[in-house]
C-alpha atoms as a PDB file:
ATOM      1  CA  UNK A   1     192.073 245.502 120.028  1.00  0.00           C
ATOM      2  CA  UNK A   2     194.375 248.210 119.034  1.00  0.00           C
ATOM      3  CA  UNK A   3     195.585 251.106 121.000  1.00  0.00           C
ATOM      4  CA  UNK A   4     197.803 254.453 120.132  1.00  0.00           C
ATOM      5  CA  UNK A   5     200.774 255.357 122.327  1.00  0.00           C
ATOM      6  CA  UNK A   6     202.877 257.711 122.202  1.00  0.00           C
ATOM      7  CA  UNK A   7     206.892 257.539 123.669  1.00  0.00           C
ATOM      8  CA  UNK A   8     209.883 259.092 123.092  1.00  0.00           C
ATOM      9  CA  UNK A   9     207.981 262.009 121.068  1.00  0.00           C
ATOM     10  CA  UNK A  10     206.189 259.780 118.196  1.00  0.00           C
ATOM     11  CA  UNK A  11     203.444 257.649 118.263  1.00  0.00           C
ATOM     12  CA  UNK A  12     202.436 253.943 117.614  1.00  0.00           C
ATOM     13  CA  UNK A  13     199.505 251.985 116.844  1.00  0.00           C
ATOM     14  CA  UNK A  14     199.638 248.959 118.479  1.00  0.00           C
ATOM     15  CA  UNK A  15     197.873 245.102 119.254  1.00  0.00           C
ATOM     16  CA  UNK A  16     198.674 242.613 121.617  1.00  0.00           C
ATOM     17  CA  UNK A  17     202.043 240.509 120.101  1.00  0.00           C
ATOM     18  CA  UNK A  18     203.176 243.080 118.270  1.00  0.00           C
ATOM     19  CA  UNK A  19     206.949 244.157 118.155  1.00  0.00           C
ATOM     20  CA  UNK A  20     208.167 247.727 118.909  1.00  0.00           C
ATOM     21  CA  UNK A  21     211.590 249.435 118.467  1.00  0.00           C
ATOM     22  CA  UNK A  22     211.002 252.780 120.474  1.00  0.00           C
ATOM     23  CA  UNK A  23     213.142 255.514 121.760  1.00  0.00           C
ATOM     24  CA  UNK A  24     215.407 253.940 124.708  1.00  0.00           C
ATOM     25  CA  UNK A  25     213.529 253.006 127.782  1.00  0.00           C
ATOM     26  CA  UNK A  26     214.950 252.980 131.317  1.00  0.00           C
ATOM     27  CA  UNK A  27     214.101 249.072 131.746  1.00  0.00           C
ATOM     28  CA  UNK A  28     216.209 245.624 131.389  1.00  0.00           C
ATOM     29  CA  UNK A  29     215.816 243.238 129.186  1.00  0.00           C
ATOM     30  CA  UNK A  30     212.846 240.737 130.650  1.00  0.00           C
ATOM     31  CA  UNK A  31     210.856 243.557 132.521  1.00  0.00           C
ATOM     32  CA  UNK A  32     207.770 244.302 132.093  1.00  0.00           C
ATOM     33  CA  UNK A  33     206.711 247.993 131.705  1.00  0.00           C
ATOM     34  CA  UNK A  34     203.477 250.117 131.343  1.00  0.00           C
ATOM     35  CA  UNK A  35     202.881 253.063 128.897  1.00  0.00           C
ATOM     36  CA  UNK A  36     200.293 254.954 130.426  1.00  0.00           C
ATOM     37  CA  UNK A  37     200.251 257.903 127.781  1.00  0.00           C
ATOM     38  CA  UNK A  38     197.734 256.308 125.571  1.00  0.00           C
ATOM     39  CA  UNK A  39     195.756 258.489 123.097  1.00  0.00           C
ATOM     40  CA  UNK A  40     193.123 255.975 121.865  1.00  0.00           C
ATOM     41  CA  UNK A  41     192.093 252.650 122.291  1.00  0.00           C
ATOM     42  CA  UNK A  42     189.581 251.271 119.872  1.00  0.00           C
ATOM     43  CA  UNK A  43     187.070 253.501 119.271  1.00  0.00           C
ATOM     44  CA  UNK A  44     187.721 255.377 122.618  1.00  0.00           C
ATOM     45  CA  UNK A  45     189.657 258.857 121.820  1.00  0.00           C
ATOM     46  CA  UNK A  46     191.363 260.753 124.750  1.00  0.00           C
ATOM     47  CA  UNK A  47     191.691 264.577 125.630  1.00  0.00           C
ATOM     48  CA  UNK A  48     194.661 264.058 125.241  1.00  0.00           C
ATOM     49  CA  UNK A  49     194.788 260.366 127.017  1.00  0.00           C
ATOM     50  CA  UNK A  50     192.589 257.675 127.588  1.00  0.00           C
ATOM     51  CA  UNK A  51     191.816 257.718 131.575  1.00  0.00           C
ATOM     52  CA  UNK A  52     192.729 254.515 132.990  1.00  0.00           C
ATOM     53  CA  UNK A  53     194.068 253.060 129.910  1.00  0.00           C
ATOM     54  CA  UNK A  54     197.606 251.464 129.454  1.00  0.00           C
ATOM     55  CA  UNK A  55     199.591 249.469 127.412  1.00  0.00           C
ATOM     56  CA  UNK A  56     201.961 246.575 128.494  1.00  0.00           C
ATOM     57  CA  UNK A  57     204.735 245.431 127.020  1.00  0.00           C
ATOM     58  CA  UNK A  58     207.948 242.789 127.889  1.00  0.00           C
ATOM     59  CA  UNK A  59     211.468 244.380 127.169  1.00  0.00           C
ATOM     60  CA  UNK A  60     213.084 242.161 124.579  1.00  0.00           C
ATOM     61  CA  UNK A  61     216.637 243.818 124.616  1.00  0.00           C
ATOM     62  CA  UNK A  62     218.543 247.170 124.300  1.00  0.00           C
ATOM     63  CA  UNK A  63     219.743 248.009 121.119  1.00  0.00           C
ATOM     64  CA  UNK A  64     220.983 249.998 118.499  1.00  0.00           C
ATOM     65  CA  UNK A  65     219.266 251.339 115.249  1.00  0.00           C
ATOM     66  CA  UNK A  66     221.384 251.464 111.758  1.00  0.00           C
ATOM     67  CA  UNK A  67     223.883 253.764 111.577  1.00  0.00           C
ATOM     68  CA  UNK A  68     223.698 257.306 110.121  1.00  0.00           C
ATOM     69  CA  UNK A  69     226.299 259.341 108.147  1.00  0.00           C
ATOM     70  CA  UNK A  70     225.804 263.339 108.435  1.00  0.00           C
ATOM     71  CA  UNK A  71     227.996 264.866 105.929  1.00  0.00           C
ATOM     72  CA  UNK A  72     228.447 268.442 105.774  1.00  0.00           C
ATOM     73  CA  UNK A  73     230.384 270.622 103.218  1.00  0.00           C
ATOM     74  CA  UNK A  74     230.814 274.379 103.171  1.00  0.00           C
ATOM     75  CA  UNK A  75     231.685 275.492  99.950  1.00  0.00           C
ATOM     76  CA  UNK A  76     232.457 279.164 100.731  1.00  0.00           C
ATOM     77  CA  UNK A  77     235.007 280.864 102.796  1.00  0.00           C
ATOM     78  CA  UNK A  78     236.157 277.864 105.014  1.00  0.00           C
ATOM     79  CA  UNK A  79     236.190 275.201 102.153  1.00  0.00           C
ATOM     80  CA  UNK A  80     235.937 272.442 105.171  1.00  0.00           C
ATOM     81  CA  UNK A  81     233.919 269.292 105.320  1.00  0.00           C
ATOM     82  CA  UNK A  82     233.105 267.127 108.155  1.00  0.00           C
ATOM     83  CA  UNK A  83     231.309 263.147 108.238  1.00  0.00           C
ATOM     84  CA  UNK A  84     229.730 262.551 111.668  1.00  0.00           C
ATOM     85  CA  UNK A  85     228.132 258.816 112.141  1.00  0.00           C
ATOM     86  CA  UNK A  86     224.994 258.210 114.685  1.00  0.00           C
ATOM     87  CA  UNK A  87     223.659 255.070 115.954  1.00  0.00           C
ATOM     88  CA  UNK A  88     220.219 255.611 117.901  1.00  0.00           C
ATOM     89  CA  UNK A  89     219.961 253.751 121.172  1.00  0.00           C
ATOM     90  CA  UNK A  90     216.490 252.101 120.836  1.00  0.00           C
ATOM     91  CA  UNK A  91     214.422 249.559 123.172  1.00  0.00           C
ATOM     92  CA  UNK A  92     213.155 246.081 121.549  1.00  0.00           C
ATOM     93  CA  UNK A  93     209.969 245.020 122.919  1.00  0.00           C
ATOM     94  CA  UNK A  94     206.767 243.002 122.464  1.00  0.00           C
ATOM     95  CA  UNK A  95     203.091 244.282 123.463  1.00  0.00           C
ATOM     96  CA  UNK A  96     201.872 241.592 125.965  1.00  0.00           C
ATOM     97  CA  UNK A  97     198.544 243.493 126.831  1.00  0.00           C
ATOM     98  CA  UNK A  98     196.299 246.370 126.396  1.00  0.00           C
ATOM     99  CA  UNK A  99     194.225 247.812 128.991  1.00  0.00           C
ATOM    100  CA  UNK A 100     191.142 249.593 128.558  1.00  0.00           C
ATOM    101  CA  UNK A 101     190.406 250.551 132.159  1.00  0.00           C
ATOM    102  CA  UNK A 102     192.584 249.899 135.617  1.00  0.00           C
ATOM    103  CA  UNK A 103     195.991 250.540 134.171  1.00  0.00           C
ATOM    104  CA  UNK A 104     196.342 252.843 137.025  1.00  0.00           C
ATOM    105  CA  UNK A 105     196.015 250.127 139.640  1.00  0.00           C
ATOM    106  CA  UNK A 106     197.922 247.296 137.426  1.00  0.00           C
ATOM    107  CA  UNK A 107     201.115 247.634 139.514  1.00  0.00           C
ATOM    108  CA  UNK A 108     203.615 247.616 136.264  1.00  0.00           C
ATOM    109  CA  UNK A 109     206.609 249.643 136.271  1.00  0.00           C
ATOM    110  CA  UNK A 110     205.637 252.702 134.041  1.00  0.00           C
ATOM    111  CA  UNK A 111     207.902 253.398 130.677  1.00  0.00           C
ATOM    112  CA  UNK A 112     210.262 256.177 131.055  1.00  0.00           C
ATOM    113  CA  UNK A 113     212.941 257.835 128.593  1.00  0.00           C
ATOM    114  CA  UNK A 114     216.195 256.670 129.135  1.00  0.00           C
ATOM    115  CA  UNK A 115     216.994 260.375 129.131  1.00  0.00           C
ATOM    116  CA  UNK A 116     215.211 261.561 131.733  1.00  0.00           C
ATOM    117  CA  UNK A 117     217.125 263.281 134.776  1.00  0.00           C
ATOM    118  CA  UNK A 118     218.212 261.325 137.589  1.00  0.00           C
ATOM    119  CA  UNK A 119     217.787 257.793 135.452  1.00  0.00           C
ATOM    120  CA  UNK A 120     221.088 255.954 136.594  1.00  0.00           C
ATOM    121  CA  UNK A 121     221.244 253.458 133.696  1.00  0.00           C
ATOM    122  CA  UNK A 122     220.321 250.171 133.161  1.00  0.00           C
ATOM    123  CA  UNK A 123     222.106 246.243 133.487  1.00  0.00           C
ATOM    124  CA  UNK A 124     222.967 246.408 129.481  1.00  0.00           C
ATOM    125  CA  UNK A 125     225.149 249.798 130.173  1.00  0.00           C
ATOM    126  CA  UNK A 126     227.650 247.760 132.633  1.00  0.00           C
ATOM    127  CA  UNK A 127     227.147 250.591 135.450  1.00  0.00           C
ATOM    128  CA  UNK A 128     229.764 252.534 133.732  1.00  0.00           C
ATOM    129  CA  UNK A 129     229.190 256.205 133.829  1.00  0.00           C
ATOM    130  CA  UNK A 130     231.283 258.835 131.772  1.00  0.00           C
ATOM    131  CA  UNK A 131     234.171 260.547 134.292  1.00  0.00           C
ATOM    132  CA  UNK A 132     233.598 264.204 133.321  1.00  0.00           C
ATOM    133  CA  UNK A 133     233.403 267.393 134.985  1.00  0.00           C
ATOM    134  CA  UNK A 134     230.538 268.057 137.218  1.00  0.00           C
ATOM    135  CA  UNK A 135     229.153 271.176 135.236  1.00  0.00           C
ATOM    136  CA  UNK A 136     226.039 269.582 134.698  1.00  0.00           C
ATOM    137  CA  UNK A 137     223.085 269.011 137.188  1.00  0.00           C
ATOM    138  CA  UNK A 138     222.833 265.554 136.602  1.00  0.00           C
ATOM    139  CA  UNK A 139     226.775 264.803 137.127  1.00  0.00           C
ATOM    140  CA  UNK A 140     226.594 266.706 139.825  1.00  0.00           C
ATOM    141  CA  UNK A 141     224.287 264.573 141.525  1.00  0.00           C
ATOM    142  CA  UNK A 142     226.443 261.583 140.308  1.00  0.00           C
ATOM    143  CA  UNK A 143     229.291 262.761 141.792  1.00  0.00           C
ATOM    144  CA  UNK A 144     227.369 263.513 144.943  1.00  0.00           C
ATOM    145  CA  UNK A 145     225.938 260.142 145.248  1.00  0.00           C
ATOM    146  CA  UNK A 146     229.366 258.676 144.148  1.00  0.00           C
ATOM    147  CA  UNK A 147     227.853 256.788 140.929  1.00  0.00           C
ATOM    148  CA  UNK A 148     230.654 259.311 138.992  1.00  0.00           C
ATOM    149  CA  UNK A 149     233.757 260.608 139.649  1.00  0.00           C
ATOM    150  CA  UNK A 150     234.840 264.561 138.527  1.00  0.00           C
ATOM    151  CA  UNK A 151     237.034 264.553 135.489  1.00  0.00           C
ATOM    152  CA  UNK A 152     240.588 265.373 136.511  1.00  0.00           C
ATOM    153  CA  UNK A 153     243.273 266.219 133.853  1.00  0.00           C
ATOM    154  CA  UNK A 154     245.323 263.275 132.714  1.00  0.00           C
ATOM    155  CA  UNK A 155     248.944 262.821 133.640  1.00  0.00           C
ATOM    156  CA  UNK A 156     251.149 264.205 131.445  1.00  0.00           C
ATOM    157  CA  UNK A 157     255.192 263.166 130.945  1.00  0.00           C
ATOM    158  CA  UNK A 158     255.845 266.946 130.822  1.00  0.00           C
ATOM    159  CA  UNK A 159     254.983 267.554 134.541  1.00  0.00           C
ATOM    160  CA  UNK A 160     257.186 266.505 137.182  1.00  0.00           C
ATOM    161  CA  UNK A 161     256.791 263.105 138.077  1.00  0.00           C
ATOM    162  CA  UNK A 162     254.457 262.695 135.331  1.00  0.00           C
ATOM    163  CA  UNK A 163     251.625 264.127 137.689  1.00  0.00           C
ATOM    164  CA  UNK A 164     248.866 267.088 137.136  1.00  0.00           C
ATOM    165  CA  UNK A 165     248.344 269.404 139.601  1.00  0.00           C
ATOM    166  CA  UNK A 166     245.349 272.049 140.292  1.00  0.00           C
ATOM    167  CA  UNK A 167     246.392 275.492 140.847  1.00  0.00           C
ATOM    168  CA  UNK A 168     246.722 276.739 144.231  1.00  0.00           C
ATOM    169  CA  UNK A 169     245.513 280.203 143.276  1.00  0.00           C
ATOM    170  CA  UNK A 170     242.364 279.979 141.557  1.00  0.00           C
ATOM    171  CA  UNK A 171     239.593 282.501 142.325  1.00  0.00           C
ATOM    172  CA  UNK A 172     235.753 282.466 142.766  1.00  0.00           C
ATOM    173  CA  UNK A 173     235.687 286.146 141.655  1.00  0.00           C
ATOM    174  CA  UNK A 174     237.844 288.948 140.737  1.00  0.00           C
ATOM    175  CA  UNK A 175     240.097 290.873 143.045  1.00  0.00           C
ATOM    176  CA  UNK A 176     238.804 294.118 143.577  1.00  0.00           C
ATOM    177  CA  UNK A 177     235.715 293.267 141.518  1.00  0.00           C
ATOM    178  CA  UNK A 178     237.254 293.604 138.332  1.00  0.00           C
ATOM    179  CA  UNK A 179     239.270 290.893 136.335  1.00  0.00           C
ATOM    180  CA  UNK A 180     242.369 291.655 133.698  1.00  0.00           C
ATOM    181  CA  UNK A 181     241.585 291.927 129.833  1.00  0.00           C
ATOM    182  CA  UNK A 182     242.465 287.977 129.166  1.00  0.00           C
ATOM    183  CA  UNK A 183     241.932 288.755 125.868  1.00  0.00           C
ATOM    184  CA  UNK A 184     245.118 290.807 125.240  1.00  0.00           C
ATOM    185  CA  UNK A 185     246.721 287.053 125.468  1.00  0.00           C
ATOM    186  CA  UNK A 186     247.264 285.629 121.996  1.00  0.00           C
ATOM    187  CA  UNK A 187     244.600 283.235 120.708  1.00  0.00           C
ATOM    188  CA  UNK A 188     242.477 284.291 123.972  1.00  0.00           C
ATOM    189  CA  UNK A 189     238.993 285.264 122.720  1.00  0.00           C
ATOM    190  CA  UNK A 190     235.493 286.238 124.536  1.00  0.00           C
ATOM    191  CA  UNK A 191     234.826 282.689 124.998  1.00  0.00           C
ATOM    192  CA  UNK A 192     237.539 281.467 126.146  1.00  0.00           C
ATOM    193  CA  UNK A 193     237.963 284.267 128.524  1.00  0.00           C
ATOM    194  CA  UNK A 194     234.577 283.298 130.107  1.00  0.00           C
ATOM    195  CA  UNK A 195     235.451 279.568 130.260  1.00  0.00           C
ATOM    196  CA  UNK A 196     238.585 280.940 131.881  1.00  0.00           C
ATOM    197  CA  UNK A 197     236.700 282.883 134.646  1.00  0.00           C
ATOM    198  CA  UNK A 198     234.775 279.876 135.233  1.00  0.00           C
ATOM    199  CA  UNK A 199     237.353 277.719 135.764  1.00  0.00           C
ATOM    200  CA  UNK A 200     238.554 280.583 138.338  1.00  0.00           C
ATOM    201  CA  UNK A 201     241.602 282.444 136.628  1.00  0.00           C
ATOM    202  CA  UNK A 202     240.856 286.316 136.550  1.00  0.00           C
ATOM    203  CA  UNK A 203     244.391 288.271 136.515  1.00  0.00           C
ATOM    204  CA  UNK A 204     247.561 287.632 134.327  1.00  0.00           C
ATOM    205  CA  UNK A 205     249.911 286.883 137.605  1.00  0.00           C
ATOM    206  CA  UNK A 206     247.840 283.842 138.000  1.00  0.00           C
ATOM    207  CA  UNK A 207     248.446 282.472 134.916  1.00  0.00           C
ATOM    208  CA  UNK A 208     252.457 283.607 135.391  1.00  0.00           C
ATOM    209  CA  UNK A 209     252.646 282.023 138.814  1.00  0.00           C
ATOM    210  CA  UNK A 210     251.662 278.251 137.504  1.00  0.00           C
ATOM    211  CA  UNK A 211     254.421 275.813 137.088  1.00  0.00           C
ATOM    212  CA  UNK A 212     254.136 272.690 134.886  1.00  0.00           C
ATOM    213  CA  UNK A 213     252.166 270.667 136.766  1.00  0.00           C
ATOM    214  CA  UNK A 214     249.528 273.428 137.129  1.00  0.00           C
ATOM    215  CA  UNK A 215     249.683 274.411 133.594  1.00  0.00           C
ATOM    216  CA  UNK A 216     249.114 270.672 132.352  1.00  0.00           C
ATOM    217  CA  UNK A 217     246.206 270.560 134.611  1.00  0.00           C
ATOM    218  CA  UNK A 218     244.567 273.667 133.007  1.00  0.00           C
ATOM    219  CA  UNK A 219     245.254 272.856 129.637  1.00  0.00           C
ATOM    220  CA  UNK A 220     242.722 269.891 130.102  1.00  0.00           C
ATOM    221  CA  UNK A 221     240.363 271.870 131.723  1.00  0.00           C
ATOM    222  CA  UNK A 222     240.071 274.735 129.501  1.00  0.00           C
ATOM    223  CA  UNK A 223     240.838 272.559 126.438  1.00  0.00           C
ATOM    224  CA  UNK A 224     243.877 274.762 125.913  1.00  0.00           C
ATOM    225  CA  UNK A 225     246.795 272.491 124.690  1.00  0.00           C
ATOM    226  CA  UNK A 226     250.074 273.715 123.991  1.00  0.00           C
ATOM    227  CA  UNK A 227     248.894 277.280 123.588  1.00  0.00           C
ATOM    228  CA  UNK A 228     248.614 277.820 127.215  1.00  0.00           C
ATOM    229  CA  UNK A 229     252.587 277.490 127.468  1.00  0.00           C
ATOM    230  CA  UNK A 230     252.479 280.333 125.488  1.00  0.00           C
ATOM    231  CA  UNK A 231     250.018 282.569 127.229  1.00  0.00           C
ATOM    232  CA  UNK A 232     251.923 281.848 130.300  1.00  0.00           C
ATOM    233  CA  UNK A 233     254.905 283.431 128.878  1.00  0.00           C
ATOM    234  CA  UNK A 234     252.790 286.449 127.776  1.00  0.00           C
ATOM    235  CA  UNK A 235     251.092 286.792 131.141  1.00  0.00           C
ATOM    236  CA  UNK A 236     254.717 287.090 132.898  1.00  0.00           C
ATOM    237  CA  UNK A 237     254.923 290.220 130.687  1.00  0.00           C
ATOM    238  CA  UNK A 238     252.063 291.982 131.433  1.00  0.00           C
END
């Protein structure tokens, strides 16, 4: 008996005992899972899936694929080049059973991709979550439930006491409904102005009032690095 299942945007023709590498699934090694998106079982073809059919498998381990090198070279104007490496996260599993009917009542955990919203990881990930800004829906959910912490600027020796401090003059909207033209600052383009607005910065006097600890905090939040000190000096003259 064979079946054709769909997972991770790909289709696989499988038989009992086959070992597969598929896009990472939300399951731990040793768990039994069931694929319900079955396109074909023997001579039965689904429309698009076969009702009641399923493919059960045992997760062997979470692995990574071979390293893929991505090289980009821009010959004209920029003359730049960049090399990136990538290893796809995969799940190694063994097909244990193929069900023509009754899959819905089997009670076996459904095989779902690891990239779905709300998934909180498997034991192989050691429960580690990236400490990042809560700007995405998934990160907001993790921050709210205590599974992750919102990123704060790292300590910096340039700030008094080696600490950073969130400015107290950040706004939720510009005063009088009109913000200053922050692109007048050297090195601030439309994209950076949008990022500054999203962070609560709309006016030159806000920037001019920051101390070193607040500058260090905002430099991290905006990804501005050492340029921010120059913006503060410029803002004082506006």
